[in-house]
């Protein structure tokens, strides 16, 4: 049990809360189902209030919570390239893998500083680089 956290919508200030961490989306959804089932059977004052009960696609939930854009340009720093075994050992369609912590990813909002260093054609040509991210891989 954590001592307290302030939420803007809670008028009384800090409120004790319990943080439940699920190791994967399936267990997270199971926990949310159990809470939902419990809430449907008890009086309103006894219901369990959840702070993050988004049951949509898990990567969209993570993107929303960490403010990761789902499309656009971004910069990564302090990354590891093909960490441990090459990623293509698992997928022949992906010969390159960059491992980066979420704090080392920054979306690019303003391209002006880059136009001073690189030609604008670098950003406007139709060259697609598709990136995916695995939110359930731990180091």
N, C-alpha and C. Protein backbone atom coordinates (compact mmCIF):
# COMPACT_ATOMS: atom_id res chain seq x y z
N UNK A 1 0.85 -1.17 0.00
CA UNK A 1 0.00 0.00 0.00
C UNK A 1 0.90 1.23 0.00
N UNK A 2 0.64 2.14 -0.90
CA UNK A 2 1.39 3.38 -0.98
C UNK A 2 0.73 4.41 -0.07
N UNK A 3 1.52 5.33 0.46
CA UNK A 3 1.01 6.28 1.44
C UNK A 3 -0.02 7.23 0.87
N UNK A 4 0.18 7.68 -0.32
CA UNK A 4 -0.81 8.58 -0.88
C UNK A 4 -0.35 9.23 -2.16
N UNK A 5 -1.31 9.64 -2.91
CA UNK A 5 -1.05 10.34 -4.16
C UNK A 5 -2.18 11.33 -4.35
N UNK A 6 -1.86 12.47 -4.93
CA UNK A 6 -2.88 13.48 -5.19
C UNK A 6 -3.38 13.35 -6.61
N UNK A 7 -4.68 13.34 -6.75
CA UNK A 7 -5.31 13.37 -8.07
C UNK A 7 -6.11 14.66 -8.17
N UNK A 8 -6.10 15.31 -9.32
CA UNK A 8 -6.85 16.56 -9.46
C UNK A 8 -8.34 16.40 -9.19
N UNK A 9 -8.89 15.24 -9.48
CA UNK A 9 -10.33 15.04 -9.32
C UNK A 9 -10.72 14.57 -7.92
N UNK A 10 -9.74 14.36 -7.03
CA UNK A 10 -10.03 13.95 -5.66
C UNK A 10 -9.96 15.19 -4.77
N UNK A 11 -11.10 15.64 -4.24
CA UNK A 11 -11.12 16.91 -3.50
C UNK A 11 -10.38 16.87 -2.16
N UNK A 12 -10.22 15.69 -1.56
CA UNK A 12 -9.64 15.62 -0.21
C UNK A 12 -8.12 15.57 -0.21
N UNK A 13 -7.48 15.75 -1.33
CA UNK A 13 -6.02 15.72 -1.37
C UNK A 13 -5.49 14.31 -1.55
N UNK A 14 -4.49 13.97 -0.74
CA UNK A 14 -3.86 12.66 -0.91
C UNK A 14 -4.78 11.55 -0.42
N UNK A 15 -4.74 10.45 -1.17
CA UNK A 15 -5.61 9.32 -0.87
C UNK A 15 -4.77 8.05 -0.96
N UNK A 16 -4.86 7.14 0.03
CA UNK A 16 -4.09 5.90 -0.05
C UNK A 16 -4.51 5.10 -1.29
N UNK A 17 -3.56 4.42 -1.86
CA UNK A 17 -3.87 3.60 -3.03
C UNK A 17 -3.00 2.36 -3.06
N UNK A 18 -3.44 1.40 -3.79
CA UNK A 18 -2.71 0.14 -3.97
C UNK A 18 -2.32 0.05 -5.44
N UNK A 19 -1.04 -0.12 -5.71
CA UNK A 19 -0.57 -0.26 -7.09
C UNK A 19 -0.40 -1.74 -7.39
N UNK A 20 -1.08 -2.18 -8.43
CA UNK A 20 -0.97 -3.57 -8.88
C UNK A 20 -0.24 -3.55 -10.21
N UNK A 21 0.86 -4.26 -10.28
CA UNK A 21 1.65 -4.32 -11.52
C UNK A 21 1.47 -5.70 -12.12
N UNK A 22 1.03 -5.74 -13.35
CA UNK A 22 0.85 -7.02 -14.06
C UNK A 22 2.02 -7.21 -15.01
N UNK A 23 2.57 -8.41 -15.06
CA UNK A 23 3.74 -8.65 -15.92
C UNK A 23 3.41 -8.68 -17.41
N UNK A 24 2.13 -8.81 -17.75
CA UNK A 24 1.76 -8.81 -19.17
C UNK A 24 0.31 -8.37 -19.31
N UNK A 25 -0.10 -8.11 -20.54
CA UNK A 25 -1.45 -7.58 -20.77
C UNK A 25 -2.54 -8.57 -20.41
N UNK A 26 -2.30 -9.85 -20.61
CA UNK A 26 -3.34 -10.84 -20.29
C UNK A 26 -3.67 -10.84 -18.80
N UNK A 27 -2.65 -10.82 -17.96
CA UNK A 27 -2.89 -10.78 -16.52
C UNK A 27 -3.50 -9.44 -16.10
N UNK A 28 -3.11 -8.37 -16.76
CA UNK A 28 -3.69 -7.06 -16.48
C UNK A 28 -5.18 -7.06 -16.79
N UNK A 29 -5.56 -7.60 -17.94
CA UNK A 29 -6.97 -7.66 -18.31
C UNK A 29 -7.75 -8.58 -17.37
N UNK A 30 -7.13 -9.66 -16.92
CA UNK A 30 -7.78 -10.56 -15.96
C UNK A 30 -8.05 -9.81 -14.66
N UNK A 31 -7.07 -9.05 -14.19
CA UNK A 31 -7.26 -8.27 -12.96
C UNK A 31 -8.38 -7.24 -13.13
N UNK A 32 -8.41 -6.57 -14.28
CA UNK A 32 -9.47 -5.59 -14.53
C UNK A 32 -10.84 -6.25 -14.59
N UNK A 33 -10.91 -7.46 -15.16
CA UNK A 33 -12.18 -8.20 -15.21
C UNK A 33 -12.66 -8.56 -13.80
N UNK A 34 -11.73 -8.99 -12.95
CA UNK A 34 -12.08 -9.35 -11.57
C UNK A 34 -12.61 -8.12 -10.83
N UNK A 35 -11.94 -6.98 -10.99
CA UNK A 35 -12.38 -5.75 -10.34
C UNK A 35 -13.75 -5.33 -10.87
N UNK A 36 -13.94 -5.41 -12.17
CA UNK A 36 -15.22 -5.04 -12.78
C UNK A 36 -16.34 -5.94 -12.27
N UNK A 37 -16.07 -7.24 -12.18
CA UNK A 37 -17.07 -8.18 -11.68
C UNK A 37 -17.42 -7.87 -10.22
N UNK A 38 -16.40 -7.60 -9.41
CA UNK A 38 -16.62 -7.24 -8.01
C UNK A 38 -17.46 -5.97 -7.91
N UNK A 39 -17.10 -4.96 -8.70
CA UNK A 39 -17.81 -3.68 -8.65
C UNK A 39 -19.28 -3.81 -9.05
N UNK A 40 -19.58 -4.77 -9.91
CA UNK A 40 -20.97 -4.94 -10.35
C UNK A 40 -21.85 -5.57 -9.27
N UNK A 41 -21.23 -6.14 -8.22
CA UNK A 41 -21.99 -6.86 -7.19
C UNK A 41 -22.07 -6.13 -5.85
N UNK A 42 -21.34 -5.03 -5.68
CA UNK A 42 -21.29 -4.36 -4.38
C UNK A 42 -21.97 -3.00 -4.44
N UNK A 43 -22.24 -2.46 -3.25
CA UNK A 43 -22.81 -1.11 -3.16
C UNK A 43 -21.83 -0.09 -3.73
N UNK A 44 -22.33 1.01 -4.26
CA UNK A 44 -21.45 2.01 -4.87
C UNK A 44 -20.34 2.52 -3.96
N UNK A 45 -20.63 2.65 -2.65
CA UNK A 45 -19.59 3.16 -1.75
C UNK A 45 -18.48 2.14 -1.47
N UNK A 46 -18.69 0.89 -1.84
CA UNK A 46 -17.69 -0.16 -1.63
C UNK A 46 -16.92 -0.52 -2.90
N UNK A 47 -17.22 0.15 -3.98
CA UNK A 47 -16.57 -0.18 -5.25
C UNK A 47 -15.09 0.17 -5.23
N UNK A 48 -14.33 -0.58 -5.99
CA UNK A 48 -12.90 -0.31 -6.16
C UNK A 48 -12.75 0.65 -7.32
N UNK A 49 -12.08 1.77 -7.06
CA UNK A 49 -11.87 2.77 -8.11
C UNK A 49 -10.51 2.50 -8.77
N UNK A 50 -10.51 2.44 -10.07
CA UNK A 50 -9.26 2.21 -10.80
C UNK A 50 -8.82 3.51 -11.46
N UNK A 51 -7.51 3.71 -11.52
CA UNK A 51 -6.97 4.93 -12.12
C UNK A 51 -6.58 4.73 -13.57
N UNK A 52 -6.31 3.51 -13.95
CA UNK A 52 -5.87 3.23 -15.32
C UNK A 52 -6.53 1.94 -15.77
N UNK A 53 -7.76 2.06 -16.25
CA UNK A 53 -8.50 0.86 -16.62
C UNK A 53 -8.78 0.79 -18.12
N UNK A 54 -7.90 1.36 -18.90
CA UNK A 54 -8.03 1.33 -20.36
C UNK A 54 -7.87 -0.12 -20.83
N UNK A 55 -8.90 -0.65 -21.46
CA UNK A 55 -8.84 -2.04 -21.93
C UNK A 55 -8.63 -2.11 -23.44
N UNK A 56 -8.29 -0.99 -24.03
CA UNK A 56 -8.01 -0.98 -25.47
C UNK A 56 -6.68 -1.66 -25.76
N UNK A 57 -6.21 -1.48 -26.95
CA UNK A 57 -4.93 -2.07 -27.35
C UNK A 57 -3.84 -1.61 -26.39
N UNK A 58 -3.04 -2.55 -25.89
CA UNK A 58 -2.09 -2.24 -24.83
C UNK A 58 -1.03 -1.24 -25.26
N UNK A 59 -0.55 -1.33 -26.50
CA UNK A 59 0.48 -0.39 -26.93
C UNK A 59 -0.08 1.03 -26.97
N UNK A 60 -1.37 1.19 -27.25
CA UNK A 60 -1.97 2.52 -27.24
C UNK A 60 -2.06 3.06 -25.80
N UNK A 61 -2.32 2.19 -24.84
CA UNK A 61 -2.35 2.60 -23.44
C UNK A 61 -0.98 3.10 -23.01
N UNK A 62 0.06 2.33 -23.35
CA UNK A 62 1.42 2.72 -22.99
C UNK A 62 1.81 4.01 -23.70
N UNK A 63 1.46 4.12 -24.98
CA UNK A 63 1.77 5.34 -25.74
C UNK A 63 1.11 6.56 -25.09
N UNK A 64 -0.12 6.39 -24.63
CA UNK A 64 -0.83 7.50 -23.99
C UNK A 64 -0.17 7.87 -22.66
N UNK A 65 0.17 6.88 -21.86
CA UNK A 65 0.73 7.16 -20.53
C UNK A 65 2.12 7.76 -20.61
N UNK A 66 2.93 7.34 -21.58
CA UNK A 66 4.29 7.85 -21.71
C UNK A 66 4.40 8.95 -22.75
N UNK A 67 3.27 9.34 -23.33
CA UNK A 67 3.21 10.39 -24.36
C UNK A 67 4.13 10.08 -25.53
N UNK A 68 4.02 8.86 -26.03
CA UNK A 68 4.78 8.42 -27.20
C UNK A 68 3.88 8.59 -28.41
N UNK A 69 4.30 9.36 -29.40
CA UNK A 69 3.47 9.47 -30.60
C UNK A 69 3.45 8.15 -31.36
N UNK A 70 2.30 7.81 -31.90
CA UNK A 70 2.18 6.56 -32.65
C UNK A 70 2.64 6.71 -34.10
N UNK A 71 2.87 7.93 -34.53
CA UNK A 71 3.44 8.16 -35.85
C UNK A 71 4.25 9.45 -35.79
N UNK A 72 5.13 9.62 -36.75
CA UNK A 72 5.95 10.82 -36.79
C UNK A 72 7.42 10.49 -36.56
N UNK A 73 8.20 11.54 -36.42
CA UNK A 73 9.63 11.40 -36.25
C UNK A 73 10.01 11.46 -34.78
N UNK A 74 11.08 10.75 -34.43
CA UNK A 74 11.57 10.78 -33.07
C UNK A 74 13.07 10.57 -33.03
N UNK A 75 13.69 10.98 -31.95
CA UNK A 75 15.12 10.78 -31.72
C UNK A 75 15.31 9.79 -30.59
N UNK A 76 16.25 8.88 -30.78
CA UNK A 76 16.62 7.97 -29.70
C UNK A 76 18.06 8.22 -29.32
N UNK A 77 18.38 8.05 -28.06
CA UNK A 77 19.75 8.20 -27.58
C UNK A 77 20.03 7.08 -26.58
N UNK A 78 21.29 6.87 -26.30
CA UNK A 78 21.71 5.83 -25.35
C UNK A 78 21.07 4.49 -25.66
N UNK A 79 21.11 4.12 -26.91
CA UNK A 79 20.50 2.86 -27.34
C UNK A 79 21.56 1.77 -27.47
N UNK A 80 21.09 0.53 -27.51
CA UNK A 80 21.95 -0.62 -27.79
C UNK A 80 21.47 -1.22 -29.10
N UNK A 81 22.40 -1.50 -29.96
CA UNK A 81 22.08 -2.04 -31.27
C UNK A 81 22.25 -3.56 -31.26
N UNK A 82 21.23 -4.29 -31.71
CA UNK A 82 21.25 -5.75 -31.73
C UNK A 82 21.77 -6.33 -30.42
N UNK A 83 21.20 -5.87 -29.33
CA UNK A 83 21.59 -6.29 -27.99
C UNK A 83 21.50 -7.80 -27.83
N UNK A 84 22.50 -8.40 -27.21
CA UNK A 84 22.59 -9.85 -27.02
C UNK A 84 22.52 -10.55 -28.37
N UNK A 85 21.59 -11.47 -28.50
CA UNK A 85 21.44 -12.19 -29.77
C UNK A 85 20.84 -11.25 -30.81
N UNK A 86 21.28 -11.37 -32.04
CA UNK A 86 20.68 -10.53 -33.08
C UNK A 86 19.18 -10.74 -33.16
N UNK A 87 18.47 -9.65 -33.34
CA UNK A 87 17.01 -9.72 -33.38
C UNK A 87 16.53 -10.56 -34.54
N UNK A 88 17.28 -10.56 -35.65
CA UNK A 88 16.85 -11.32 -36.82
C UNK A 88 16.89 -12.82 -36.57
N UNK A 89 17.51 -13.25 -35.47
CA UNK A 89 17.45 -14.67 -35.12
C UNK A 89 16.02 -15.06 -34.80
N UNK A 90 15.24 -14.09 -34.32
CA UNK A 90 13.84 -14.34 -34.01
C UNK A 90 12.94 -14.02 -35.21
N UNK A 91 13.33 -13.05 -36.00
CA UNK A 91 12.52 -12.64 -37.15
C UNK A 91 13.43 -12.32 -38.32
N UNK A 92 13.31 -13.08 -39.38
CA UNK A 92 14.15 -12.82 -40.55
C UNK A 92 13.74 -11.55 -41.29
N UNK A 93 12.60 -10.98 -40.92
CA UNK A 93 12.13 -9.75 -41.55
C UNK A 93 12.72 -8.51 -40.88
N UNK A 94 13.44 -8.69 -39.79
CA UNK A 94 13.97 -7.54 -39.04
C UNK A 94 15.44 -7.78 -38.71
N UNK A 95 16.35 -7.35 -39.59
CA UNK A 95 17.77 -7.58 -39.34
C UNK A 95 18.39 -6.62 -38.33
N UNK A 96 17.69 -5.55 -37.95
CA UNK A 96 18.25 -4.56 -37.03
C UNK A 96 17.31 -4.35 -35.85
N UNK A 97 17.90 -4.17 -34.69
CA UNK A 97 17.10 -3.88 -33.50
C UNK A 97 17.83 -2.86 -32.65
N UNK A 98 17.11 -1.86 -32.19
CA UNK A 98 17.65 -0.84 -31.30
C UNK A 98 16.90 -0.96 -29.98
N UNK A 99 17.63 -1.13 -28.90
CA UNK A 99 17.02 -1.24 -27.58
C UNK A 99 17.24 0.08 -26.86
N UNK A 100 16.15 0.71 -26.45
CA UNK A 100 16.23 2.04 -25.84
C UNK A 100 15.21 2.14 -24.71
N UNK A 101 15.62 2.77 -23.62
CA UNK A 101 14.70 3.04 -22.52
C UNK A 101 13.77 4.18 -22.92
N UNK A 102 12.58 4.20 -22.37
CA UNK A 102 11.57 5.18 -22.75
C UNK A 102 12.04 6.61 -22.53
N UNK A 103 12.86 6.84 -21.50
CA UNK A 103 13.36 8.19 -21.23
C UNK A 103 14.32 8.68 -22.31
N UNK A 104 14.83 7.77 -23.12
CA UNK A 104 15.78 8.13 -24.16
C UNK A 104 15.13 8.23 -25.54
N UNK A 105 13.82 8.37 -25.56
CA UNK A 105 13.09 8.61 -26.81
C UNK A 105 12.42 9.97 -26.72
N UNK A 106 12.63 10.79 -27.73
CA UNK A 106 12.03 12.12 -27.78
C UNK A 106 11.37 12.33 -29.14
N UNK A 107 10.08 12.66 -29.16
CA UNK A 107 9.45 12.99 -30.44
C UNK A 107 10.00 14.31 -30.97
N UNK A 108 10.09 14.44 -32.27
CA UNK A 108 10.55 15.69 -32.89
C UNK A 108 9.32 16.52 -33.22
N UNK A 109 9.23 17.68 -32.60
CA UNK A 109 8.11 18.58 -32.83
C UNK A 109 8.50 19.68 -33.81
N UNK A 110 9.74 20.16 -33.70
CA UNK A 110 10.20 21.27 -34.53
C UNK A 110 11.41 20.82 -35.34
N UNK A 111 11.27 20.86 -36.66
CA UNK A 111 12.35 20.41 -37.54
C UNK A 111 13.35 21.52 -37.87
N UNK A 112 13.08 22.76 -37.51
CA UNK A 112 13.95 23.88 -37.89
C UNK A 112 15.42 23.64 -37.52
N UNK A 113 15.74 23.20 -36.30
CA UNK A 113 17.16 22.98 -35.98
C UNK A 113 17.80 21.92 -36.90
N UNK A 114 17.02 20.95 -37.34
CA UNK A 114 17.56 19.89 -38.20
C UNK A 114 17.80 20.39 -39.62
N UNK A 115 16.96 21.34 -40.06
CA UNK A 115 17.13 21.88 -41.41
C UNK A 115 18.44 22.64 -41.53
N UNK A 116 18.96 23.14 -40.41
CA UNK A 116 20.24 23.86 -40.42
C UNK A 116 21.41 22.89 -40.58
N UNK A 117 21.21 21.64 -40.19
CA UNK A 117 22.28 20.64 -40.25
C UNK A 117 22.13 19.73 -41.47
N UNK A 118 20.91 19.32 -41.74
CA UNK A 118 20.63 18.36 -42.82
C UNK A 118 19.75 19.01 -43.88
N UNK A 119 19.87 18.57 -45.12
CA UNK A 119 18.99 19.13 -46.16
C UNK A 119 17.54 18.71 -45.92
N UNK A 120 16.61 19.62 -46.22
CA UNK A 120 15.20 19.32 -45.98
C UNK A 120 14.71 18.15 -46.82
N UNK A 121 15.38 17.88 -47.95
CA UNK A 121 14.98 16.74 -48.78
C UNK A 121 15.14 15.42 -48.03
N UNK A 122 16.03 15.40 -47.05
CA UNK A 122 16.21 14.18 -46.25
C UNK A 122 14.92 13.80 -45.53
N UNK A 123 14.14 14.79 -45.13
CA UNK A 123 12.91 14.55 -44.39
C UNK A 123 11.68 14.45 -45.28
N UNK A 124 11.77 14.96 -46.49
CA UNK A 124 10.58 15.01 -47.34
C UNK A 124 10.50 13.89 -48.37
N UNK A 125 11.60 13.19 -48.62
CA UNK A 125 11.54 12.08 -49.57
C UNK A 125 10.73 10.94 -48.99
N UNK A 126 10.18 10.15 -49.87
CA UNK A 126 9.33 9.04 -49.45
C UNK A 126 10.19 7.82 -49.13
N UNK A 127 10.88 7.88 -48.02
CA UNK A 127 11.65 6.73 -47.55
C UNK A 127 11.08 6.34 -46.20
N UNK A 128 10.48 5.19 -46.16
CA UNK A 128 9.81 4.76 -44.93
C UNK A 128 10.77 3.97 -44.05
N UNK A 129 10.76 4.29 -42.80
CA UNK A 129 11.47 3.52 -41.79
C UNK A 129 10.40 3.12 -40.78
N UNK A 130 10.14 1.85 -40.72
CA UNK A 130 9.08 1.37 -39.84
C UNK A 130 9.71 0.89 -38.54
N UNK A 131 9.23 1.42 -37.46
CA UNK A 131 9.72 1.02 -36.14
C UNK A 131 8.58 0.44 -35.34
N UNK A 132 8.87 -0.56 -34.58
CA UNK A 132 7.91 -1.09 -33.63
C UNK A 132 8.58 -1.13 -32.28
N UNK A 133 7.79 -1.24 -31.26
CA UNK A 133 8.38 -1.32 -29.93
C UNK A 133 7.68 -2.39 -29.14
N UNK A 134 8.49 -3.06 -28.34
CA UNK A 134 8.00 -4.16 -27.52
C UNK A 134 7.94 -3.67 -26.08
N UNK A 135 6.75 -3.53 -25.57
CA UNK A 135 6.58 -2.97 -24.23
C UNK A 135 6.67 -4.02 -23.14
N UNK A 136 6.78 -5.28 -23.51
CA UNK A 136 6.81 -6.33 -22.50
C UNK A 136 8.16 -7.03 -22.42
N UNK A 137 9.20 -6.39 -22.93
CA UNK A 137 10.54 -6.95 -22.85
C UNK A 137 11.27 -6.23 -21.73
N UNK A 138 11.84 -6.98 -20.83
CA UNK A 138 12.55 -6.39 -19.71
C UNK A 138 14.01 -6.73 -19.81
N UNK A 139 14.83 -5.83 -19.34
CA UNK A 139 16.28 -5.98 -19.37
C UNK A 139 16.76 -6.71 -18.12
